[in-house]
Amino acid sequence: MAHSVNRQSREKEGEVARPVETLRLWRRTLEKLPELTKKMGVEIPQGLLMRSFTHRSFSHEHPDAPNNERLEFLGDSIIQAISTIYLFNRFPSMPEREMSSLRRAAVCEEGLAKIAVEMSLDKFLLLGKGARKEGDRERSSLLCDTFEALVGAAFASGGWESAEKLAGAPLRKTIDDNLKNLEGSNPYMDWKTSLLVLARSMNLGEPSFPTSFDEEKDCFVAECTLPSGKVLAVGRGKKKKTAQENAAELSCRVLRQKSGLAQ
């Protein structure tokens, strides 16, 4: 992966000085930047940093202030990569399907918006008057986009090391928090993924789901079985996948009860 974008690109993305009128409008946000840079621990050129907080509604009212959408596009890819590398290294034998589920849960809009709030990024947003009136400052999608743009700015100025320093810790924490909450309520994490992670955390190995069809009851029957041969639970369903998911859900509850994690 390239260490950073080239100098010409950095200038286009906001590293060059902006017109006086735009800087005047940015003044209130500029005064808060020392607070943010201290929290981030990453140095980003002022123009590029300001661009990461500039919503398109602000740019529409002030055309000399470029918006953050290109940085958002870049940051989205970097966030995906950071999450992927962490999952790949932490779970060396986890199948692609399960890793994808965990990654989706970590980088979803809600998850990234939560990180943005924890970093107080909402204090720095530059919105147009219309967006401010509509209350967009609190919208999850806006906060998510802002975090992505900030990560993009970190990469554009300092390469992978800078972006990883900014986003690595909160993304890893989000993944770890998701792993602790395996009740299946997260739409990006199904019961089989939850069970796989939980079983491995208890050193039980990877469960399997031998499935048969019960002609008498006209349904599939799946047994959630540990490598030791122990059957944790039996699930039924009209579809094979449903039977296995039901078995995984019941097994999750059994293991959580056993480990003292039941709520």
C-alpha atoms as a PDB file:
ATOM      1  CA  MET A   1       0.000   0.000   0.000  1.00  0.00           C
ATOM      2  CA  ALA A   2       1.363   3.429  -0.907  1.00  0.00           C
ATOM      3  CA  HIS A   3       2.570   5.413   2.075  1.00  0.00           C
ATOM      4  CA  SER A   4       0.684   8.577   1.143  1.00  0.00           C
ATOM      5  CA  VAL A   5      -0.820  10.435  -1.756  1.00  0.00           C
ATOM      6  CA  ASN A   6       1.562  12.604  -3.748  1.00  0.00           C
ATOM      7  CA  ARG A   7       2.249  16.292  -3.126  1.00  0.00           C
ATOM      8  CA  GLN A   8       0.094  17.497  -6.009  1.00  0.00           C
ATOM      9  CA  SER A   9      -2.856  15.522  -4.669  1.00  0.00           C
ATOM     10  CA  ARG A  10      -2.308  16.864  -1.147  1.00  0.00           C
ATOM     11  CA  GLU A  11      -2.471  20.416  -2.464  1.00  0.00           C
ATOM     12  CA  LYS A  12      -5.683  19.685  -4.309  1.00  0.00           C
ATOM     13  CA  GLU A  13      -7.179  18.133  -1.190  1.00  0.00           C
ATOM     14  CA  GLY A  14      -6.742  21.296   0.876  1.00  0.00           C
ATOM     15  CA  GLU A  15      -3.145  21.613   2.024  1.00  0.00           C
ATOM     16  CA  VAL A  16      -2.744  24.899   0.172  1.00  0.00           C
ATOM     17  CA  ALA A  17      -3.886  28.152   1.768  1.00  0.00           C
ATOM     18  CA  ARG A  18      -7.548  28.986   1.390  1.00  0.00           C
ATOM     19  CA  PRO A  19      -9.015  32.432   0.607  1.00  0.00           C
ATOM     20  CA  VAL A  20      -9.320  34.878   3.508  1.00  0.00           C
ATOM     21  CA  GLU A  21     -13.132  34.775   3.489  1.00  0.00           C
ATOM     22  CA  THR A  22     -13.166  31.024   3.999  1.00  0.00           C
ATOM     23  CA  LEU A  23     -10.572  31.206   6.766  1.00  0.00           C
ATOM     24  CA  ARG A  24     -12.706  33.808   8.527  1.00  0.00           C
ATOM     25  CA  LEU A  25     -15.679  31.467   8.423  1.00  0.00           C
ATOM     26  CA  TRP A  26     -13.492  28.630   9.676  1.00  0.00           C
ATOM     27  CA  ARG A  27     -12.097  30.675  12.577  1.00  0.00           C
ATOM     28  CA  ARG A  28     -14.360  29.239  15.259  1.00  0.00           C
ATOM     29  CA  THR A  29     -13.445  25.711  14.290  1.00  0.00           C
ATOM     30  CA  LEU A  30      -9.763  26.607  13.921  1.00  0.00           C
ATOM     31  CA  GLU A  31      -9.688  27.774  17.530  1.00  0.00           C
ATOM     32  CA  LYS A  32     -10.759  24.306  18.669  1.00  0.00           C
ATOM     33  CA  LEU A  33      -8.211  22.370  16.633  1.00  0.00           C
ATOM     34  CA  PRO A  34      -5.457  22.181  19.298  1.00  0.00           C
ATOM     35  CA  GLU A  35      -7.905  20.254  21.490  1.00  0.00           C
ATOM     36  CA  LEU A  36      -8.537  17.753  18.711  1.00  0.00           C
ATOM     37  CA  THR A  37      -4.953  17.289  17.523  1.00  0.00           C
ATOM     38  CA  LYS A  38      -3.870  16.578  21.094  1.00  0.00           C
ATOM     39  CA  LYS A  39      -6.554  13.898  21.378  1.00  0.00           C
ATOM     40  CA  MET A  40      -5.703  12.383  17.993  1.00  0.00           C
ATOM     41  CA  GLY A  41      -1.954  12.275  18.480  1.00  0.00           C
ATOM     42  CA  VAL A  42      -1.594  12.786  14.724  1.00  0.00           C
ATOM     43  CA  GLU A  43      -0.408  15.883  12.878  1.00  0.00           C
ATOM     44  CA  ILE A  44      -2.498  16.820   9.834  1.00  0.00           C
ATOM     45  CA  PRO A  45      -1.919  20.037   7.822  1.00  0.00           C
ATOM     46  CA  GLN A  46      -4.476  22.660   8.799  1.00  0.00           C
ATOM     47  CA  GLY A  47      -6.073  23.015   5.375  1.00  0.00           C
ATOM     48  CA  LEU A  48      -6.471  19.269   4.973  1.00  0.00           C
ATOM     49  CA  LEU A  49      -7.803  18.914   8.505  1.00  0.00           C
ATOM     50  CA  MET A  50     -10.370  21.638   7.944  1.00  0.00           C
ATOM     51  CA  ARG A  51     -11.478  20.028   4.718  1.00  0.00           C
ATOM     52  CA  SER A  52     -12.201  16.779   6.542  1.00  0.00           C
ATOM     53  CA  PHE A  53     -14.863  18.616   8.579  1.00  0.00           C
ATOM     54  CA  THR A  54     -16.399  20.528   5.672  1.00  0.00           C
ATOM     55  CA  HIS A  55     -19.795  19.143   4.679  1.00  0.00           C
ATOM     56  CA  ARG A  56     -21.003  19.659   1.119  1.00  0.00           C
ATOM     57  CA  SER A  57     -23.794  21.931   2.418  1.00  0.00           C
ATOM     58  CA  PHE A  58     -21.119  24.354   3.676  1.00  0.00           C
ATOM     59  CA  SER A  59     -19.251  24.161   0.362  1.00  0.00           C
ATOM     60  CA  HIS A  60     -22.483  24.876  -1.493  1.00  0.00           C
ATOM     61  CA  GLU A  61     -22.792  28.182   0.393  1.00  0.00           C
ATOM     62  CA  HIS A  62     -19.031  28.894   0.238  1.00  0.00           C
ATOM     63  CA  PRO A  63     -17.675  27.513  -3.074  1.00  0.00           C
ATOM     64  CA  ASP A  64     -14.044  28.261  -2.173  1.00  0.00           C
ATOM     65  CA  ALA A  65     -14.253  25.707   0.666  1.00  0.00           C
ATOM     66  CA  PRO A  66     -13.894  22.185  -0.812  1.00  0.00           C
ATOM     67  CA  ASN A  67     -15.996  19.508   0.864  1.00  0.00           C
ATOM     68  CA  ASN A  68     -14.811  16.296   2.499  1.00  0.00           C
ATOM     69  CA  GLU A  69     -16.335  13.727   0.133  1.00  0.00           C
ATOM     70  CA  ARG A  70     -13.083  12.725  -1.579  1.00  0.00           C
ATOM     71  CA  LEU A  71     -11.386  12.298   1.787  1.00  0.00           C
ATOM     72  CA  GLU A  72     -14.388  10.292   2.948  1.00  0.00           C
ATOM     73  CA  PHE A  73     -13.974   7.980  -0.051  1.00  0.00           C
ATOM     74  CA  LEU A  74     -10.304   7.455   0.782  1.00  0.00           C
ATOM     75  CA  GLY A  75     -10.919   7.006   4.504  1.00  0.00           C
ATOM     76  CA  ASP A  76     -13.582   4.370   3.948  1.00  0.00           C
ATOM     77  CA  SER A  77     -11.044   2.114   2.227  1.00  0.00           C
ATOM     78  CA  ILE A  78      -8.412   2.674   4.924  1.00  0.00           C
ATOM     79  CA  ILE A  79     -10.893   1.838   7.702  1.00  0.00           C
ATOM     80  CA  GLN A  80     -11.849  -1.360   5.894  1.00  0.00           C
ATOM     81  CA  ALA A  81      -8.169  -2.293   5.592  1.00  0.00           C
ATOM     82  CA  ILE A  82      -7.353  -1.603   9.253  1.00  0.00           C
ATOM     83  CA  SER A  83     -10.298  -3.717  10.398  1.00  0.00           C
ATOM     84  CA  THR A  84      -9.463  -6.512   7.958  1.00  0.00           C
ATOM     85  CA  ILE A  85      -5.834  -6.756   9.076  1.00  0.00           C
ATOM     86  CA  TYR A  86      -6.819  -6.854  12.754  1.00  0.00           C
ATOM     87  CA  LEU A  87      -9.354  -9.637  12.205  1.00  0.00           C
ATOM     88  CA  PHE A  88      -6.985 -11.583   9.944  1.00  0.00           C
ATOM     89  CA  ASN A  89      -4.214 -11.529  12.551  1.00  0.00           C
ATOM     90  CA  ARG A  90      -6.395 -12.088  15.605  1.00  0.00           C
ATOM     91  CA  PHE A  91      -8.321 -15.065  14.195  1.00  0.00           C
ATOM     92  CA  PRO A  92      -5.822 -16.991  12.024  1.00  0.00           C
ATOM     93  CA  SER A  93      -8.246 -19.831  11.249  1.00  0.00           C
ATOM     94  CA  MET A  94     -11.550 -17.946  11.052  1.00  0.00           C
ATOM     95  CA  PRO A  95     -13.379 -18.437   7.711  1.00  0.00           C
ATOM     96  CA  GLU A  96     -13.870 -15.458   5.392  1.00  0.00           C
ATOM     97  CA  ARG A  97     -17.634 -15.405   5.975  1.00  0.00           C
ATOM     98  CA  GLU A  98     -17.283 -14.908   9.726  1.00  0.00           C
ATOM     99  CA  MET A  99     -14.535 -12.304   9.355  1.00  0.00           C
ATOM    100  CA  SER A 100     -16.729 -10.391   6.912  1.00  0.00           C
ATOM    101  CA  SER A 101     -19.600 -10.383   9.407  1.00  0.00           C
ATOM    102  CA  LEU A 102     -17.381  -9.032  12.175  1.00  0.00           C
ATOM    103  CA  ARG A 103     -15.931  -6.382   9.874  1.00  0.00           C
ATOM    104  CA  ARG A 104     -19.378  -5.210   8.743  1.00  0.00           C
ATOM    105  CA  ALA A 105     -20.404  -4.880  12.375  1.00  0.00           C
ATOM    106  CA  ALA A 106     -17.320  -2.788  13.137  1.00  0.00           C
ATOM    107  CA  VAL A 107     -17.453  -0.395  10.181  1.00  0.00           C
ATOM    108  CA  CYS A 108     -21.217   0.075   9.956  1.00  0.00           C
ATOM    109  CA  GLU A 109     -22.632   3.591  10.160  1.00  0.00           C
ATOM    110  CA  GLU A 110     -23.654   3.224  13.794  1.00  0.00           C
ATOM    111  CA  GLY A 111     -20.230   1.950  14.857  1.00  0.00           C
ATOM    112  CA  LEU A 112     -18.248   4.696  13.125  1.00  0.00           C
ATOM    113  CA  ALA A 113     -20.665   7.390  14.312  1.00  0.00           C
ATOM    114  CA  LYS A 114     -20.083   6.216  17.885  1.00  0.00           C
ATOM    115  CA  ILE A 115     -16.335   6.604  17.404  1.00  0.00           C
ATOM    116  CA  ALA A 116     -16.905  10.107  15.998  1.00  0.00           C
ATOM    117  CA  VAL A 117     -18.928  11.090  19.069  1.00  0.00           C
ATOM    118  CA  GLU A 118     -16.292   9.660  21.419  1.00  0.00           C
ATOM    119  CA  MET A 119     -13.703  11.797  19.623  1.00  0.00           C
ATOM    120  CA  SER A 120     -16.050  14.831  19.852  1.00  0.00           C
ATOM    121  CA  LEU A 121     -15.884  15.331  16.094  1.00  0.00           C
ATOM    122  CA  ASP A 122     -19.385  16.816  16.141  1.00  0.00           C
ATOM    123  CA  LYS A 123     -17.871  19.959  17.689  1.00  0.00           C
ATOM    124  CA  PHE A 124     -15.833  20.655  14.569  1.00  0.00           C
ATOM    125  CA  LEU A 125     -18.351  20.101  11.775  1.00  0.00           C
ATOM    126  CA  LEU A 126     -18.814  22.843   9.206  1.00  0.00           C
ATOM    127  CA  LEU A 127     -22.401  22.691   7.964  1.00  0.00           C
ATOM    128  CA  GLY A 128     -24.484  24.937   5.755  1.00  0.00           C
ATOM    129  CA  LYS A 129     -27.327  26.885   7.336  1.00  0.00           C
ATOM    130  CA  GLY A 130     -29.943  24.526   5.974  1.00  0.00           C
ATOM    131  CA  ALA A 131     -28.203  21.458   7.373  1.00  0.00           C
ATOM    132  CA  ARG A 132     -27.816  23.127  10.772  1.00  0.00           C
ATOM    133  CA  LYS A 133     -31.514  23.924  10.901  1.00  0.00           C
ATOM    134  CA  GLU A 134     -32.382  20.327  10.067  1.00  0.00           C
ATOM    135  CA  GLY A 135     -30.277  19.042  12.933  1.00  0.00           C
ATOM    136  CA  ASP A 136     -27.801  17.195  10.717  1.00  0.00           C
ATOM    137  CA  ARG A 137     -25.036  17.745  13.269  1.00  0.00           C
ATOM    138  CA  GLU A 138     -26.346  14.748  15.223  1.00  0.00           C
ATOM    139  CA  ARG A 139     -27.106  12.456  12.289  1.00  0.00           C
ATOM    140  CA  SER A 140     -25.292   9.113  12.393  1.00  0.00           C
ATOM    141  CA  SER A 141     -24.521   9.165   8.689  1.00  0.00           C
ATOM    142  CA  LEU A 142     -22.920  12.601   8.922  1.00  0.00           C
ATOM    143  CA  LEU A 143     -20.768  11.634  11.901  1.00  0.00           C
ATOM    144  CA  CYS A 144     -19.749   8.406  10.191  1.00  0.00           C
ATOM    145  CA  ASP A 145     -18.767  10.299   7.031  1.00  0.00           C
ATOM    146  CA  THR A 146     -16.752  12.809   9.055  1.00  0.00           C
ATOM    147  CA  PHE A 147     -14.721  10.098  10.770  1.00  0.00           C
ATOM    148  CA  GLU A 148     -14.017   8.489   7.400  1.00  0.00           C
ATOM    149  CA  ALA A 149     -12.893  11.850   6.001  1.00  0.00           C
ATOM    150  CA  LEU A 150     -10.607  12.461   8.980  1.00  0.00           C
ATOM    151  CA  VAL A 151      -8.959   9.070   8.493  1.00  0.00           C
ATOM    152  CA  GLY A 152      -8.595   9.910   4.810  1.00  0.00           C
ATOM    153  CA  ALA A 153      -6.899  13.192   5.730  1.00  0.00           C
ATOM    154  CA  ALA A 154      -4.516  11.366   8.064  1.00  0.00           C
ATOM    155  CA  PHE A 155      -3.565   8.951   5.282  1.00  0.00           C
ATOM    156  CA  ALA A 156      -3.269  11.696   2.657  1.00  0.00           C
ATOM    157  CA  SER A 157      -0.788  13.610   4.814  1.00  0.00           C
ATOM    158  CA  GLY A 158       1.062  10.925   6.751  1.00  0.00           C
ATOM    159  CA  GLY A 159       0.420   7.622   5.023  1.00  0.00           C
ATOM    160  CA  TRP A 160      -0.562   4.318   6.592  1.00  0.00           C
ATOM    161  CA  GLU A 161       1.241   4.889   9.897  1.00  0.00           C
ATOM    162  CA  SER A 162      -0.640   8.130  10.538  1.00  0.00           C
ATOM    163  CA  ALA A 163      -4.038   6.670   9.613  1.00  0.00           C
ATOM    164  CA  GLU A 164      -3.457   3.553  11.717  1.00  0.00           C
ATOM    165  CA  LYS A 165      -2.406   5.659  14.696  1.00  0.00           C
ATOM    166  CA  LEU A 166      -5.614   7.664  14.424  1.00  0.00           C
ATOM    167  CA  ALA A 167      -8.129   4.916  13.691  1.00  0.00           C
ATOM    168  CA  GLY A 168      -6.518   1.655  14.784  1.00  0.00           C
ATOM    169  CA  ALA A 169      -7.265   1.775  18.503  1.00  0.00           C
ATOM    170  CA  PRO A 170     -10.947   2.826  18.274  1.00  0.00           C
ATOM    171  CA  LEU A 171     -11.633   0.291  15.512  1.00  0.00           C
ATOM    172  CA  ARG A 172     -10.030  -2.530  17.482  1.00  0.00           C
ATOM    173  CA  LYS A 173     -12.023  -1.503  20.537  1.00  0.00           C
ATOM    174  CA  THR A 174     -15.242  -1.549  18.504  1.00  0.00           C
ATOM    175  CA  ILE A 175     -14.486  -5.059  17.261  1.00  0.00           C
ATOM    176  CA  ASP A 176     -13.622  -6.263  20.765  1.00  0.00           C
ATOM    177  CA  ASP A 177     -16.786  -4.708  22.203  1.00  0.00           C
ATOM    178  CA  ASN A 178     -18.855  -6.454  19.534  1.00  0.00           C
ATOM    179  CA  LEU A 179     -17.247  -9.763  20.460  1.00  0.00           C
ATOM    180  CA  LYS A 180     -18.286  -9.273  24.075  1.00  0.00           C
ATOM    181  CA  ASN A 181     -21.904  -8.730  23.088  1.00  0.00           C
ATOM    182  CA  LEU A 182     -22.855 -11.912  21.291  1.00  0.00           C
ATOM    183  CA  GLU A 183     -26.609 -11.918  21.821  1.00  0.00           C
ATOM    184  CA  GLY A 184     -27.328 -11.762  18.099  1.00  0.00           C
ATOM    185  CA  SER A 185     -28.893  -8.306  18.307  1.00  0.00           C
ATOM    186  CA  ASN A 186     -26.354  -6.835  15.887  1.00  0.00           C
ATOM    187  CA  PRO A 187     -27.798  -7.107  12.359  1.00  0.00           C
ATOM    188  CA  TYR A 188     -24.304  -7.641  10.938  1.00  0.00           C
ATOM    189  CA  MET A 189     -23.446 -10.613  13.156  1.00  0.00           C
ATOM    190  CA  ASP A 190     -25.504 -13.792  12.853  1.00  0.00           C
ATOM    191  CA  TRP A 191     -25.776 -16.481  15.525  1.00  0.00           C
ATOM    192  CA  LYS A 192     -23.277 -18.822  13.864  1.00  0.00           C
ATOM    193  CA  THR A 193     -20.640 -16.076  13.869  1.00  0.00           C
ATOM    194  CA  SER A 194     -21.413 -15.249  17.494  1.00  0.00           C
ATOM    195  CA  LEU A 195     -21.144 -18.911  18.468  1.00  0.00           C
ATOM    196  CA  LEU A 196     -17.868 -19.392  16.609  1.00  0.00           C
ATOM    197  CA  VAL A 197     -16.202 -16.484  18.397  1.00  0.00           C
ATOM    198  CA  LEU A 198     -17.650 -17.439  21.785  1.00  0.00           C
ATOM    199  CA  ALA A 199     -16.616 -21.098  21.483  1.00  0.00           C
ATOM    200  CA  ARG A 200     -13.081 -20.151  20.511  1.00  0.00           C
ATOM    201  CA  SER A 201     -12.811 -17.693  23.381  1.00  0.00           C
ATOM    202  CA  MET A 202     -13.620 -20.627  25.693  1.00  0.00           C
ATOM    203  CA  ASN A 203     -11.079 -22.883  23.931  1.00  0.00           C
ATOM    204  CA  LEU A 204     -13.809 -25.255  22.772  1.00  0.00           C
ATOM    205  CA  GLY A 205     -12.822 -25.330  19.114  1.00  0.00           C
ATOM    206  CA  GLU A 206     -15.009 -24.718  16.081  1.00  0.00           C
ATOM    207  CA  PRO A 207     -18.579 -26.073  16.273  1.00  0.00           C
ATOM    208  CA  SER A 208     -20.049 -28.037  13.377  1.00  0.00           C
ATOM    209  CA  PHE A 209     -23.685 -28.431  12.326  1.00  0.00           C
ATOM    210  CA  PRO A 210     -24.485 -31.919  10.997  1.00  0.00           C
ATOM    211  CA  THR A 211     -27.984 -31.578   9.551  1.00  0.00           C
ATOM    212  CA  SER A 212     -30.630 -34.081   8.522  1.00  0.00           C
ATOM    213  CA  PHE A 213     -34.219 -33.889   7.307  1.00  0.00           C
ATOM    214  CA  ASP A 214     -37.018 -35.168   9.539  1.00  0.00           C
ATOM    215  CA  GLU A 215     -39.653 -36.419   7.090  1.00  0.00           C
ATOM    216  CA  GLU A 216     -42.181 -37.068   9.822  1.00  0.00           C
ATOM    217  CA  LYS A 217     -42.087 -33.465  11.063  1.00  0.00           C
ATOM    218  CA  ASP A 218     -41.242 -32.028   7.628  1.00  0.00           C
ATOM    219  CA  CYS A 219     -38.291 -29.952   8.813  1.00  0.00           C
ATOM    220  CA  PHE A 220     -34.513 -29.885   8.962  1.00  0.00           C
ATOM    221  CA  VAL A 221     -32.776 -30.826  12.206  1.00  0.00           C
ATOM    222  CA  ALA A 222     -29.306 -29.422  12.976  1.00  0.00           C
ATOM    223  CA  GLU A 223     -27.113 -30.542  15.860  1.00  0.00           C
ATOM    224  CA  CYS A 224     -24.556 -28.023  17.078  1.00  0.00           C
ATOM    225  CA  THR A 225     -21.587 -30.243  17.895  1.00  0.00           C
ATOM    226  CA  LEU A 226     -18.208 -29.394  19.429  1.00  0.00           C
ATOM    227  CA  PRO A 227     -14.978 -31.084  18.255  1.00  0.00           C
ATOM    228  CA  SER A 228     -15.132 -33.146  21.465  1.00  0.00           C
ATOM    229  CA  GLY A 229     -18.353 -34.712  20.193  1.00  0.00           C
ATOM    230  CA  LYS A 230     -20.554 -32.931  22.719  1.00  0.00           C
ATOM    231  CA  VAL A 231     -23.889 -31.752  21.290  1.00  0.00           C
ATOM    232  CA  LEU A 232     -24.673 -28.299  22.648  1.00  0.00           C
ATOM    233  CA  ALA A 233     -28.157 -27.879  21.193  1.00  0.00           C
ATOM    234  CA  VAL A 234     -30.528 -28.992  18.462  1.00  0.00           C
ATOM    235  CA  GLY A 235     -32.267 -26.573  16.111  1.00  0.00           C
ATOM    236  CA  ARG A 236     -35.145 -27.111  13.703  1.00  0.00           C
ATOM    237  CA  GLY A 237     -36.400 -25.173  10.716  1.00  0.00           C
ATOM    238  CA  LYS A 238     -38.081 -25.403   7.326  1.00  0.00           C
ATOM    239  CA  LYS A 239     -34.749 -24.502   5.742  1.00  0.00           C
ATOM    240  CA  LYS A 240     -31.352 -25.995   6.482  1.00  0.00           C
ATOM    241  CA  LYS A 241     -29.866 -22.570   7.185  1.00  0.00           C
ATOM    242  CA  THR A 242     -32.697 -21.726   9.599  1.00  0.00           C
ATOM    243  CA  ALA A 243     -32.201 -24.974  11.513  1.00  0.00           C
ATOM    244  CA  GLN A 244     -28.479 -24.277  11.880  1.00  0.00           C
ATOM    245  CA  GLU A 245     -29.046 -20.685  12.989  1.00  0.00           C
ATOM    246  CA  ASN A 246     -31.579 -21.854  15.591  1.00  0.00           C
ATOM    247  CA  ALA A 247     -29.103 -24.444  16.860  1.00  0.00           C
ATOM    248  CA  ALA A 248     -26.394 -21.768  17.029  1.00  0.00           C
ATOM    249  CA  GLU A 249     -28.656 -19.405  18.970  1.00  0.00           C
ATOM    250  CA  LEU A 250     -29.541 -22.069  21.533  1.00  0.00           C
ATOM    251  CA  SER A 251     -25.877 -23.047  21.813  1.00  0.00           C
ATOM    252  CA  CYS A 252     -24.836 -19.433  22.407  1.00  0.00           C
ATOM    253  CA  ARG A 253     -27.258 -19.231  25.292  1.00  0.00           C
ATOM    254  CA  VAL A 254     -25.956 -22.511  26.726  1.00  0.00           C
ATOM    255  CA  LEU A 255     -22.336 -21.346  26.590  1.00  0.00           C
ATOM    256  CA  ARG A 256     -23.116 -17.907  27.949  1.00  0.00           C
ATOM    257  CA  GLN A 257     -24.934 -19.511  30.870  1.00  0.00           C
ATOM    258  CA  LYS A 258     -21.980 -21.821  31.445  1.00  0.00           C
ATOM    259  CA  SER A 259     -19.448 -18.979  31.343  1.00  0.00           C
ATOM    260  CA  GLY A 260     -21.523 -16.678  33.544  1.00  0.00           C
ATOM    261  CA  LEU A 261     -22.175 -14.215  30.715  1.00  0.00           C
ATOM    262  CA  ALA A 262     -25.938 -14.754  30.590  1.00  0.00           C
ATOM    263  CA  GLN A 263     -27.976 -11.582  31.051  1.00  0.00           C
END
